[in-house]
Protein backbone atom coordinates (compact mmCIF):
# COMPACT_ATOMS: atom_id res chain seq x y z
CA MET A 1 126.71 84.45 118.35
CA LYS A 2 124.29 83.82 115.47
CA THR A 3 120.64 83.21 116.14
CA ARG A 4 117.60 82.93 113.94
CA PHE A 5 117.01 86.61 114.76
CA SER A 6 120.32 87.62 113.15
CA ARG A 7 118.62 87.66 109.77
CA ILE A 8 116.01 90.19 110.91
CA PRO A 9 116.88 93.76 109.80
CA GLY A 10 117.61 95.92 112.81
CA PHE A 11 117.99 92.97 115.16
CA ARG A 12 121.58 92.12 116.05
CA ILE A 13 121.78 90.30 119.34
CA SER A 14 125.14 90.51 121.13
CA ALA A 15 126.75 87.50 122.74
CA ALA A 16 126.50 89.09 126.18
CA ALA A 17 122.84 89.98 125.77
CA ALA A 18 122.07 86.55 124.35
CA ALA A 19 123.73 84.91 127.32
CA ALA A 20 121.84 87.14 129.72
CA ALA A 21 118.55 86.41 127.97
CA PHE A 22 119.35 82.71 128.05
CA LEU A 23 120.01 82.82 131.78
CA ILE A 24 116.76 84.68 132.34
CA GLY A 25 114.93 82.11 130.24
CA ILE A 26 116.22 79.08 132.12
CA GLY A 27 115.70 80.67 135.51
CA ALA A 28 119.14 81.63 136.79
CA VAL A 29 117.81 83.37 139.89
CA SER A 30 119.93 83.79 142.97
CA PRO A 31 118.40 83.01 146.37
CA ALA A 32 118.67 86.68 147.36
CA SER A 33 116.57 87.79 144.40
CA ALA A 34 114.20 84.82 144.33
CA GLN A 35 111.42 86.78 146.05
CA GLU A 36 111.78 89.95 143.97
CA ARG A 37 108.90 90.69 141.64
CA ALA A 38 109.41 89.95 137.97
CA ASN A 39 106.55 92.31 137.13
CA ARG A 40 107.64 95.75 138.28
CA LEU A 41 104.39 97.22 136.96
CA ILE A 42 102.54 95.43 139.75
CA THR A 43 105.13 96.76 142.21
CA LEU A 44 104.19 100.30 141.19
CA LEU A 45 100.46 99.63 141.37
CA GLU A 46 100.71 97.94 144.77
CA ALA A 47 102.40 101.08 146.05
CA LYS A 48 99.56 103.20 144.55
CA ARG A 49 102.04 104.88 142.25
CA PRO A 50 100.97 105.83 138.71
CA ALA A 51 102.43 103.82 135.85
CA ILE A 52 102.97 105.43 132.44
CA GLY A 53 102.67 103.34 129.29
CA VAL A 54 102.29 103.43 125.51
CA TRP A 55 100.28 101.46 122.96
CA THR A 56 101.83 99.94 119.87
CA GLY A 57 100.46 98.27 116.77
CA ALA A 58 103.90 98.00 115.17
CA ILE A 59 105.09 94.74 116.70
CA ALA A 60 106.61 93.64 113.38
CA ALA A 61 109.04 96.61 113.32
CA PRO A 62 112.33 95.97 115.22
CA ARG A 63 113.29 99.64 115.20
CA ILE A 64 110.04 100.57 116.90
CA ALA A 65 110.68 97.81 119.43
CA LYS A 66 114.06 99.38 120.15
CA VAL A 67 112.52 102.81 120.66
CA LEU A 68 109.90 101.38 123.02
CA ALA A 69 112.37 99.22 124.96
CA THR A 70 114.74 102.12 125.57
CA SER A 71 112.06 104.66 126.44
CA ASP A 72 111.17 105.53 130.01
CA VAL A 73 107.67 103.99 129.91
CA ASP A 74 106.64 101.52 132.59
CA PHE A 75 104.52 99.35 130.31
CA ILE A 76 103.77 98.64 126.66
CA VAL A 77 100.43 97.43 125.36
CA ALA A 78 101.06 95.27 122.28
CA ASP A 79 97.77 95.60 120.40
CA ILE A 80 97.04 92.46 118.40
CA GLU A 81 93.34 93.22 118.03
CA HIS A 82 94.06 95.77 115.30
CA ASP A 83 97.02 93.98 113.72
CA ILE A 84 97.59 90.78 111.76
CA TYR A 85 97.19 87.73 113.99
CA ASP A 86 100.67 86.21 114.06
CA PHE A 87 102.18 84.48 117.10
CA ASN A 88 105.62 84.33 115.49
CA VAL A 89 105.68 88.11 115.14
CA LEU A 90 104.54 88.51 118.75
CA HIS A 91 107.25 86.06 119.84
CA ARG A 92 109.92 88.11 118.10
CA PHE A 93 108.60 91.40 119.47
CA LEU A 94 108.65 90.18 123.07
CA LEU A 95 112.21 88.91 122.72
CA GLU A 96 113.28 92.16 121.05
CA ILE A 97 111.93 94.22 123.94
CA GLN A 98 113.85 91.98 126.34
CA ASP A 99 117.04 92.04 124.30
CA PHE A 100 117.08 95.78 123.60
CA SER A 101 116.38 96.47 127.28
CA LEU A 102 119.31 94.28 128.34
CA ARG A 103 121.68 95.83 125.82
CA TYR A 104 120.82 99.52 125.95
CA ARG A 105 119.36 100.30 129.36
CA THR A 106 121.72 101.06 132.21
CA GLU A 107 119.11 99.57 134.57
CA PRO A 108 117.58 96.53 132.81
CA ARG A 109 115.34 95.89 135.83
CA THR A 110 113.46 99.08 134.93
CA ALA A 111 112.64 97.75 131.46
CA PRO A 112 109.01 98.22 130.36
CA ILE A 113 106.53 95.42 131.04
CA VAL A 114 104.61 94.13 128.00
CA LEU A 115 100.89 93.41 128.18
CA VAL A 116 99.25 91.77 125.16
CA LYS A 117 95.93 93.17 123.99
CA LEU A 118 94.12 90.18 122.57
CA ALA A 119 92.80 89.81 119.04
CA ASN A 120 89.98 87.64 120.38
CA ARG A 121 87.40 89.72 122.18
CA ALA A 122 86.03 88.45 125.48
CA THR A 123 82.63 87.81 123.87
CA TRP A 124 84.37 85.23 121.66
CA ASP A 125 86.52 82.50 123.21
CA PRO A 126 90.05 83.85 123.76
CA ARG A 127 91.44 80.92 125.76
CA TYR A 128 93.70 79.53 123.04
CA GLU A 129 95.13 82.96 122.27
CA ILE A 130 95.75 83.68 125.94
CA ALA A 131 97.62 80.41 126.40
CA GLU A 132 99.79 81.04 123.34
CA SER A 133 100.41 84.74 124.04
CA LEU A 134 101.73 84.04 127.53
CA LYS A 135 103.82 81.14 126.25
CA VAL A 136 105.63 82.72 123.31
CA GLY A 137 107.58 85.34 125.23
CA PRO A 138 107.98 87.40 128.41
CA ALA A 139 104.53 89.01 128.42
CA MET A 140 103.34 89.93 131.91
CA GLY A 141 99.62 89.97 131.33
CA ILE A 142 96.73 90.44 128.95
CA TRP A 143 94.45 93.31 127.96
CA ILE A 144 91.01 91.97 127.02
CA PRO A 145 88.72 93.95 124.69
CA MET A 146 84.92 93.84 124.75
CA VAL A 147 84.33 92.33 128.19
CA GLU A 148 80.55 92.19 128.60
CA SER A 149 79.94 89.79 131.48
CA ARG A 150 81.53 88.09 134.46
CA ALA A 151 81.34 84.79 132.56
CA ASP A 152 83.44 86.30 129.75
CA LEU A 153 86.08 87.38 132.21
CA GLU A 154 86.08 84.18 134.27
CA ARG A 155 86.72 82.16 131.10
CA ALA A 156 89.69 84.37 130.22
CA ILE A 157 91.13 84.35 133.73
CA SER A 158 90.92 80.56 133.86
CA ALA A 159 93.12 80.47 130.74
CA VAL A 160 95.64 82.84 132.34
CA ARG A 161 95.86 80.58 135.38
CA GLY A 162 96.48 77.53 133.19
CA ALA A 163 98.96 79.04 130.76
CA GLU A 164 102.45 77.55 130.39
CA THR A 165 104.28 80.83 130.74
CA SER A 166 107.80 79.39 130.64
CA ALA A 167 107.54 76.94 127.74
CA LEU A 168 109.42 79.00 125.13
CA ALA A 169 110.68 82.33 126.38
CA GLY A 170 107.89 83.35 128.71
CA ILE A 171 108.34 84.75 132.16
CA ASN A 172 110.32 82.43 134.34
CA VAL A 173 108.92 82.56 137.86
CA PRO A 174 107.85 79.80 140.22
CA LYS A 175 104.61 78.12 139.22
CA GLU A 176 102.74 79.45 142.24
CA ARG A 177 103.47 83.00 141.06
CA ARG A 178 102.24 82.43 137.49
CA GLU A 179 98.89 83.68 138.69
CA PRO A 180 96.77 86.79 138.26
CA TRP A 181 97.35 89.61 140.72
CA PRO A 182 95.75 90.48 143.13
CA LEU A 183 93.88 87.15 143.30
CA ASN A 184 97.28 85.78 144.28
CA PRO A 185 99.10 88.60 146.16
CA ARG A 186 102.41 87.22 144.81
CA GLY A 187 101.03 86.70 141.32
CA GLU A 188 103.03 88.18 138.43
CA LEU A 189 100.32 88.40 135.75
CA LEU A 190 98.00 91.36 135.25
CA VAL A 191 94.55 91.00 133.66
CA VAL A 192 93.00 94.19 132.29
CA ALA A 193 89.36 94.20 131.16
CA MET A 194 87.99 96.73 128.69
CA ILE A 195 84.36 97.82 129.17
CA GLU A 196 83.29 99.46 125.94
CA THR A 197 79.69 98.47 125.17
CA GLU A 198 76.20 98.97 126.60
CA GLU A 199 76.18 95.29 127.60
CA GLY A 200 79.44 95.77 129.46
CA ILE A 201 78.03 98.81 131.23
CA ARG A 202 74.98 96.83 132.37
CA HIS A 203 77.18 94.11 133.86
CA ALA A 204 79.96 96.40 135.09
CA ARG A 205 79.46 95.64 138.77
CA ASP A 206 79.74 91.88 138.21
CA ILE A 207 82.76 92.39 135.96
CA VAL A 208 84.59 94.52 138.52
CA ARG A 209 83.91 91.91 141.20
CA THR A 210 85.40 89.02 139.20
CA PRO A 211 88.24 87.32 141.13
CA GLY A 212 91.51 87.62 139.22
CA LEU A 213 90.76 90.97 137.62
CA GLY A 214 93.56 93.48 138.11
CA ALA A 215 92.48 96.56 136.17
CA VAL A 216 89.65 98.04 134.09
CA GLN A 217 89.71 100.46 131.18
CA THR A 218 86.52 102.11 129.94
CA VAL A 219 86.38 103.31 126.32
CA HIS A 220 83.66 104.36 123.86
CA ILE A 221 81.08 104.81 126.63
CA PRO A 222 79.36 107.90 128.11
CA GLU A 223 81.40 109.90 130.62
CA ALA A 224 78.79 109.40 133.33
CA ASP A 225 79.07 105.61 133.01
CA ALA A 226 82.86 105.79 132.98
CA LYS A 227 82.81 107.76 136.25
CA ARG A 228 80.40 105.28 137.80
CA ILE A 229 82.64 102.35 136.85
CA LEU A 230 85.69 104.22 138.14
CA LYS A 231 83.93 104.53 141.50
CA MET A 232 83.22 100.77 141.49
CA CYS A 233 86.89 100.07 140.80
CA ARG A 234 88.06 102.30 143.63
CA GLU A 235 85.63 100.64 146.05
CA ARG A 236 86.90 97.17 145.08
CA GLY A 237 90.61 98.04 144.93
CA ILE A 238 90.72 97.45 141.16
CA ILE A 239 93.20 99.56 139.18
CA ALA A 240 91.63 102.01 136.72
CA ALA A 241 93.30 102.57 133.33
CA VAL A 242 92.96 105.62 131.10
CA ASP A 243 94.64 107.58 128.31
CA ALA A 244 95.99 110.98 129.32
CA SER A 245 98.17 113.84 128.15
CA ALA A 246 100.80 115.82 130.04
CA GLU A 247 98.19 118.55 130.46
CA ASP A 248 95.56 116.41 132.20
CA VAL A 249 97.56 113.57 133.78
CA LYS A 250 97.53 115.13 137.27
CA ALA A 251 93.75 115.48 137.11
CA ARG A 252 93.40 111.86 135.99
CA ILE A 253 95.57 110.65 138.87
CA ALA A 254 93.52 112.76 141.29
CA GLU A 255 90.38 111.05 139.97
CA GLY A 256 91.87 107.69 140.87
CA TYR A 257 93.49 106.42 137.66
CA LEU A 258 96.88 104.72 138.05
CA LEU A 259 97.44 102.81 134.79
CA ILE A 260 97.98 105.69 132.39
CA SER A 261 98.77 105.59 128.68
CA VAL A 262 100.28 108.43 126.66
CA GLY A 263 98.60 107.05 123.55
CA TRP A 264 99.77 105.23 120.42
CA ASP A 265 103.40 105.20 119.33
CA PHE A 266 102.50 106.08 115.73
CA GLY A 267 100.40 109.04 116.95
CA LEU A 268 103.32 110.34 118.98
CA LEU A 269 105.66 109.86 116.01
CA GLN A 270 103.24 111.60 113.67
CA LYS A 271 102.84 114.55 116.03
CA SER A 272 106.58 114.95 116.64
CA LEU A 273 107.43 114.61 112.96
CA GLY A 274 104.73 117.10 112.00
CA GLU A 275 105.96 119.65 114.53
CA THR A 276 109.58 119.20 113.44
CA VAL A 277 108.80 119.62 109.74
CA LYS A 278 106.64 122.67 110.47
CA ALA A 279 109.48 124.24 112.44
CA MET A 280 111.95 123.46 109.66
CA ARG A 281 109.72 125.03 107.00
CA GLY A 282 109.29 128.08 109.19
CA ALA A 283 113.05 128.40 109.60
CA ILE A 284 113.76 128.39 105.87
CA LYS A 285 111.10 130.88 104.78
């Protein structure tokens, strides 16, 4: 079966996978599975189980998409903020993650969930980008940088609630479940707010109390403020997100973090490649 993706290097969609993707796209859901969650990341978080993810800025690279889709991560953060703003590239990336998961994973239902980190910061007006990002492919939520007030977040959440998530190849779930979790307990979309400025710190309590917010990540702020915001999240039942390593992940979970990233894909590649080359040079001395 030839598709417009057949011309993309590294992207060769099989007939079986294409058919499966097509059925997913048009909503071929059996009655028995109709109530199953499409967003397994939320399933983990509801059960208070930690979810492990990775960040990527390489959404234009099909081979990286294949590596991510076939890894054992629970979620992928597709960072558009630090990449070229291109909805067509995002569309292709989301479909690649879906296709590679269907073709190469023995359990496609355990495929990683993709969350889109917006290019528009919350202090701007990200509503158009949110609507388009959730429409172009099976993204299961948004990661919003620079949230500095409740008004910022309410504007973004209103766009999530109004997005046409099944127009092209978005998630195909009943309309009443195309809602932010936990505002709607059966909602399938996750909204993550980043608090990373002094203004955000000042309004942290109002931000954490915004209906429709699912998780908070603090970055670039003093440790004391991060701990204070973590406490607010735990009191409100909001998921806390953080970066961690294998050495400190248990401590982070004990602190109350559940949405845990191992870092950037290129950083992991750079580290592994560096260690491999160093070992090779040592072996041939």
